[in-house]
N, C-alpha and C. Protein backbone atom coordinates (compact mmCIF):
# COMPACT_ATOMS: atom_id res chain seq x y z
N MET A 1 16.97 20.34 -27.27
CA MET A 1 17.16 18.90 -27.22
C MET A 1 17.60 18.51 -25.81
N GLU A 2 16.86 17.57 -25.22
CA GLU A 2 17.14 17.13 -23.85
C GLU A 2 18.12 15.96 -23.88
N LYS A 3 19.16 16.06 -23.09
CA LYS A 3 20.16 15.00 -23.02
C LYS A 3 19.68 13.88 -22.09
N LYS A 4 19.71 12.65 -22.59
CA LYS A 4 19.32 11.50 -21.78
C LYS A 4 20.51 11.07 -20.95
N LEU A 5 20.31 11.04 -19.62
CA LEU A 5 21.42 10.74 -18.72
C LEU A 5 21.48 9.28 -18.30
N GLY A 6 20.44 8.53 -18.49
CA GLY A 6 20.43 7.13 -18.09
C GLY A 6 19.08 6.73 -17.56
N VAL A 7 19.05 5.63 -16.84
CA VAL A 7 17.80 5.03 -16.35
C VAL A 7 17.73 5.18 -14.83
N VAL A 8 16.55 5.46 -14.33
CA VAL A 8 16.31 5.47 -12.89
C VAL A 8 15.41 4.29 -12.57
N ARG A 9 15.84 3.46 -11.64
CA ARG A 9 15.03 2.32 -11.21
C ARG A 9 14.74 2.45 -9.72
N ILE A 10 13.49 2.25 -9.38
CA ILE A 10 13.05 2.30 -7.97
C ILE A 10 12.82 0.86 -7.52
N ALA A 11 13.49 0.45 -6.46
CA ALA A 11 13.34 -0.91 -5.94
C ALA A 11 11.93 -1.11 -5.39
N PRO A 12 11.35 -2.29 -5.61
CA PRO A 12 10.01 -2.55 -5.07
C PRO A 12 9.90 -2.35 -3.57
N ASN A 13 10.99 -2.62 -2.82
CA ASN A 13 10.90 -2.43 -1.37
C ASN A 13 10.77 -0.96 -1.00
N VAL A 14 11.27 -0.05 -1.84
CA VAL A 14 11.08 1.39 -1.62
C VAL A 14 9.60 1.74 -1.80
N LEU A 15 9.00 1.21 -2.86
CA LEU A 15 7.57 1.43 -3.10
C LEU A 15 6.73 0.85 -1.96
N ALA A 16 7.13 -0.33 -1.47
CA ALA A 16 6.41 -0.96 -0.36
C ALA A 16 6.50 -0.11 0.90
N THR A 17 7.67 0.45 1.17
CA THR A 17 7.83 1.31 2.35
C THR A 17 6.96 2.56 2.24
N ILE A 18 6.94 3.18 1.06
CA ILE A 18 6.09 4.35 0.86
C ILE A 18 4.63 3.99 1.10
N ALA A 19 4.17 2.88 0.52
CA ALA A 19 2.78 2.45 0.68
C ALA A 19 2.46 2.14 2.14
N ARG A 20 3.36 1.43 2.82
CA ARG A 20 3.13 1.03 4.22
C ARG A 20 3.03 2.26 5.12
N LEU A 21 4.00 3.17 5.03
CA LEU A 21 4.00 4.34 5.90
C LEU A 21 2.81 5.25 5.62
N THR A 22 2.45 5.36 4.36
CA THR A 22 1.30 6.20 4.01
C THR A 22 0.01 5.60 4.55
N ALA A 23 -0.18 4.29 4.39
CA ALA A 23 -1.38 3.64 4.90
C ALA A 23 -1.48 3.79 6.42
N LEU A 24 -0.36 3.62 7.11
CA LEU A 24 -0.36 3.74 8.57
C LEU A 24 -0.67 5.16 9.04
N SER A 25 -0.45 6.14 8.18
CA SER A 25 -0.72 7.52 8.58
C SER A 25 -2.20 7.89 8.49
N VAL A 26 -3.01 7.03 7.90
CA VAL A 26 -4.44 7.30 7.76
C VAL A 26 -5.14 6.92 9.07
N PRO A 27 -5.86 7.87 9.70
CA PRO A 27 -6.56 7.55 10.94
C PRO A 27 -7.55 6.40 10.74
N GLY A 28 -7.49 5.42 11.64
CA GLY A 28 -8.36 4.25 11.54
C GLY A 28 -7.61 3.00 11.14
N VAL A 29 -6.41 3.16 10.55
CA VAL A 29 -5.57 2.00 10.23
C VAL A 29 -4.73 1.71 11.47
N VAL A 30 -4.93 0.53 12.05
CA VAL A 30 -4.21 0.15 13.26
C VAL A 30 -2.82 -0.35 12.91
N ARG A 31 -2.75 -1.27 11.96
CA ARG A 31 -1.47 -1.82 11.52
C ARG A 31 -1.68 -2.60 10.23
N LEU A 32 -0.59 -3.03 9.63
CA LEU A 32 -0.62 -3.89 8.46
C LEU A 32 -0.08 -5.25 8.88
N GLU A 33 -0.61 -6.30 8.29
CA GLU A 33 -0.14 -7.65 8.57
C GLU A 33 0.10 -8.38 7.27
N GLY A 34 0.94 -9.39 7.35
CA GLY A 34 1.21 -10.19 6.17
C GLY A 34 -0.06 -10.86 5.66
N ALA A 35 -0.10 -11.03 4.37
CA ALA A 35 -1.26 -11.67 3.74
C ALA A 35 -1.33 -13.14 4.15
N PRO A 36 -2.53 -13.65 4.38
CA PRO A 36 -2.65 -15.08 4.70
C PRO A 36 -2.33 -15.92 3.47
N ASN A 37 -1.63 -17.04 3.70
CA ASN A 37 -1.36 -17.95 2.58
C ASN A 37 -2.43 -19.04 2.56
N LEU A 38 -2.24 -20.04 1.74
CA LEU A 38 -3.24 -21.10 1.60
C LEU A 38 -3.50 -21.86 2.90
N LEU A 39 -2.50 -21.89 3.80
CA LEU A 39 -2.66 -22.59 5.06
C LEU A 39 -3.20 -21.69 6.17
N GLY A 40 -3.50 -20.43 5.82
CA GLY A 40 -4.03 -19.50 6.80
C GLY A 40 -2.97 -18.80 7.61
N ARG A 41 -1.69 -19.11 7.35
CA ARG A 41 -0.61 -18.44 8.07
C ARG A 41 -0.29 -17.10 7.41
N ARG A 42 0.22 -16.18 8.20
CA ARG A 42 0.58 -14.87 7.67
C ARG A 42 1.96 -14.94 7.03
N SER A 43 2.09 -14.30 5.89
CA SER A 43 3.38 -14.25 5.22
C SER A 43 4.22 -13.15 5.85
N GLY A 44 5.47 -13.09 5.50
CA GLY A 44 6.38 -12.10 6.07
C GLY A 44 6.49 -10.84 5.23
N ASP A 45 5.46 -10.50 4.46
CA ASP A 45 5.55 -9.35 3.56
C ASP A 45 5.17 -8.02 4.21
N GLU A 46 4.99 -8.00 5.52
CA GLU A 46 4.68 -6.79 6.27
C GLU A 46 3.42 -6.08 5.79
N GLY A 47 2.50 -6.82 5.19
CA GLY A 47 1.21 -6.26 4.82
C GLY A 47 1.15 -5.53 3.50
N VAL A 48 2.21 -5.58 2.71
CA VAL A 48 2.24 -4.88 1.43
C VAL A 48 2.81 -5.81 0.36
N ARG A 49 2.12 -5.87 -0.76
CA ARG A 49 2.66 -6.55 -1.94
C ARG A 49 2.69 -5.55 -3.08
N ILE A 50 3.81 -5.53 -3.79
CA ILE A 50 4.02 -4.59 -4.89
C ILE A 50 4.27 -5.38 -6.16
N ASP A 51 3.64 -4.94 -7.24
CA ASP A 51 3.91 -5.51 -8.56
C ASP A 51 4.15 -4.34 -9.52
N VAL A 52 5.31 -4.35 -10.14
CA VAL A 52 5.63 -3.32 -11.13
C VAL A 52 5.69 -3.98 -12.49
N SER A 53 4.82 -3.55 -13.38
CA SER A 53 4.85 -4.06 -14.75
C SER A 53 4.50 -2.93 -15.70
N GLU A 54 5.20 -2.88 -16.80
CA GLU A 54 5.01 -1.83 -17.80
C GLU A 54 5.10 -0.45 -17.16
N ASP A 55 6.05 -0.29 -16.23
CA ASP A 55 6.31 0.98 -15.55
C ASP A 55 5.13 1.54 -14.77
N ALA A 56 4.20 0.67 -14.36
CA ALA A 56 3.09 1.08 -13.50
C ALA A 56 3.08 0.18 -12.27
N VAL A 57 2.57 0.71 -11.17
CA VAL A 57 2.61 0.02 -9.88
C VAL A 57 1.23 -0.51 -9.52
N ALA A 58 1.19 -1.75 -9.05
CA ALA A 58 -0.01 -2.31 -8.44
C ALA A 58 0.34 -2.62 -6.98
N VAL A 59 -0.55 -2.25 -6.08
CA VAL A 59 -0.30 -2.39 -4.65
C VAL A 59 -1.43 -3.19 -4.02
N ASP A 60 -1.08 -4.14 -3.16
CA ASP A 60 -2.04 -4.84 -2.31
C ASP A 60 -1.66 -4.53 -0.88
N LEU A 61 -2.63 -4.02 -0.10
CA LEU A 61 -2.41 -3.69 1.31
C LEU A 61 -3.33 -4.54 2.17
N TYR A 62 -2.77 -5.12 3.24
CA TYR A 62 -3.50 -6.00 4.14
C TYR A 62 -3.59 -5.31 5.50
N LEU A 63 -4.78 -4.77 5.80
CA LEU A 63 -4.97 -3.88 6.93
C LEU A 63 -5.72 -4.51 8.10
N ILE A 64 -5.36 -4.04 9.29
CA ILE A 64 -6.15 -4.22 10.50
C ILE A 64 -6.69 -2.82 10.80
N VAL A 65 -8.01 -2.69 10.92
CA VAL A 65 -8.62 -1.37 11.09
C VAL A 65 -9.28 -1.24 12.45
N GLU A 66 -9.50 0.01 12.82
CA GLU A 66 -10.12 0.35 14.09
C GLU A 66 -11.62 0.08 14.04
N GLN A 67 -12.13 -0.53 15.09
CA GLN A 67 -13.56 -0.79 15.22
C GLN A 67 -14.35 0.51 15.16
N GLY A 68 -15.50 0.46 14.52
CA GLY A 68 -16.38 1.61 14.46
C GLY A 68 -16.13 2.52 13.27
N ARG A 69 -15.11 2.24 12.49
CA ARG A 69 -14.82 3.05 11.30
C ARG A 69 -15.64 2.56 10.12
N ASN A 70 -15.97 3.46 9.22
CA ASN A 70 -16.61 3.10 7.97
C ASN A 70 -15.50 2.51 7.09
N MET A 71 -15.55 1.21 6.88
CA MET A 71 -14.46 0.52 6.18
C MET A 71 -14.34 0.92 4.72
N LEU A 72 -15.46 1.19 4.07
CA LEU A 72 -15.41 1.62 2.67
C LEU A 72 -14.74 2.98 2.56
N ALA A 73 -15.16 3.93 3.40
CA ALA A 73 -14.57 5.27 3.37
C ALA A 73 -13.08 5.21 3.74
N LEU A 74 -12.75 4.41 4.74
CA LEU A 74 -11.36 4.26 5.16
C LEU A 74 -10.52 3.67 4.03
N SER A 75 -11.03 2.66 3.37
CA SER A 75 -10.31 2.02 2.27
C SER A 75 -10.07 3.01 1.13
N ARG A 76 -11.08 3.78 0.80
CA ARG A 76 -10.93 4.78 -0.27
C ARG A 76 -9.92 5.85 0.10
N GLU A 77 -9.90 6.24 1.37
CA GLU A 77 -8.92 7.23 1.82
C GLU A 77 -7.50 6.67 1.73
N VAL A 78 -7.31 5.42 2.13
CA VAL A 78 -6.00 4.78 2.02
C VAL A 78 -5.58 4.72 0.55
N GLN A 79 -6.50 4.30 -0.33
CA GLN A 79 -6.18 4.24 -1.76
C GLN A 79 -5.75 5.61 -2.28
N ALA A 80 -6.48 6.65 -1.94
CA ALA A 80 -6.17 8.00 -2.43
C ALA A 80 -4.82 8.48 -1.92
N GLN A 81 -4.56 8.25 -0.64
CA GLN A 81 -3.30 8.71 -0.05
C GLN A 81 -2.10 7.96 -0.60
N VAL A 82 -2.22 6.64 -0.76
CA VAL A 82 -1.11 5.84 -1.29
C VAL A 82 -0.86 6.21 -2.75
N ASP A 83 -1.92 6.38 -3.52
CA ASP A 83 -1.79 6.79 -4.92
C ASP A 83 -1.03 8.11 -5.01
N ARG A 84 -1.44 9.09 -4.23
CA ARG A 84 -0.78 10.40 -4.24
C ARG A 84 0.68 10.30 -3.83
N ALA A 85 0.96 9.53 -2.77
CA ALA A 85 2.34 9.42 -2.27
C ALA A 85 3.27 8.81 -3.32
N ILE A 86 2.82 7.74 -3.95
CA ILE A 86 3.68 7.08 -4.96
C ILE A 86 3.90 8.02 -6.14
N LYS A 87 2.85 8.66 -6.61
CA LYS A 87 3.00 9.58 -7.74
C LYS A 87 3.89 10.77 -7.38
N ASP A 88 3.71 11.33 -6.18
CA ASP A 88 4.49 12.51 -5.78
C ASP A 88 5.96 12.17 -5.51
N MET A 89 6.21 11.03 -4.86
CA MET A 89 7.58 10.71 -4.44
C MET A 89 8.43 10.09 -5.54
N VAL A 90 7.84 9.25 -6.37
CA VAL A 90 8.66 8.57 -7.39
C VAL A 90 8.20 8.83 -8.81
N GLY A 91 7.05 9.48 -8.98
CA GLY A 91 6.59 9.84 -10.30
C GLY A 91 6.13 8.68 -11.16
N MET A 92 5.80 7.55 -10.54
CA MET A 92 5.33 6.39 -11.30
C MET A 92 3.80 6.36 -11.30
N PRO A 93 3.21 5.94 -12.42
CA PRO A 93 1.75 5.79 -12.42
C PRO A 93 1.33 4.58 -11.59
N VAL A 94 0.17 4.69 -10.96
CA VAL A 94 -0.36 3.60 -10.14
C VAL A 94 -1.50 2.96 -10.92
N ARG A 95 -1.35 1.66 -11.17
CA ARG A 95 -2.38 0.91 -11.91
C ARG A 95 -3.57 0.58 -11.03
N GLU A 96 -3.29 0.10 -9.81
CA GLU A 96 -4.37 -0.25 -8.88
C GLU A 96 -3.82 -0.34 -7.46
N ILE A 97 -4.73 -0.11 -6.51
CA ILE A 97 -4.42 -0.29 -5.09
C ILE A 97 -5.57 -1.09 -4.50
N ASN A 98 -5.27 -2.32 -4.15
CA ASN A 98 -6.27 -3.23 -3.59
C ASN A 98 -6.14 -3.26 -2.08
N ILE A 99 -7.26 -3.05 -1.40
CA ILE A 99 -7.29 -3.04 0.06
C ILE A 99 -7.93 -4.34 0.54
N HIS A 100 -7.24 -5.03 1.45
CA HIS A 100 -7.74 -6.26 2.06
C HIS A 100 -7.83 -6.00 3.56
N ILE A 101 -9.04 -5.97 4.10
CA ILE A 101 -9.21 -5.77 5.54
C ILE A 101 -9.24 -7.15 6.19
N LEU A 102 -8.21 -7.42 6.99
CA LEU A 102 -8.05 -8.74 7.60
C LEU A 102 -8.74 -8.86 8.95
N ASP A 103 -8.86 -7.74 9.68
CA ASP A 103 -9.45 -7.83 11.01
C ASP A 103 -9.82 -6.42 11.48
N VAL A 104 -10.57 -6.39 12.57
CA VAL A 104 -11.00 -5.15 13.20
C VAL A 104 -10.59 -5.25 14.67
N GLU A 105 -10.06 -4.16 15.20
CA GLU A 105 -9.64 -4.12 16.61
C GLU A 105 -10.32 -2.95 17.31
N PRO A 106 -10.58 -3.10 18.61
CA PRO A 106 -11.16 -1.98 19.36
C PRO A 106 -10.25 -0.77 19.33
N ALA A 107 -10.86 0.42 19.39
CA ALA A 107 -10.09 1.66 19.41
C ALA A 107 -9.23 1.70 20.66
N ARG A 108 -8.05 2.27 20.54
CA ARG A 108 -7.14 2.33 21.69
C ARG A 108 -7.25 3.64 22.40
């Protein structure tokens, strides 16, 4: 019989940090930017939105990518890496990871 010790809660900003740092580690991702609002201005969410419902995570990432990269392949790699990082670090299931490519910049 396993003794229940209590509840563990992970703050959404922890999940956002994991997603942000993981996305930035993928070659071809230049940076993340806040999502545009209805007026076209960037929000202050640092390029990541997290929704936790029914103990599963949904992630929206707003990326600036390097010119010349295959955006579909890059997006799939970011999705795979973020999914793995969240599952490995906090053990939560990931419902979806939506990639929004906001702009392309020349390679540095």
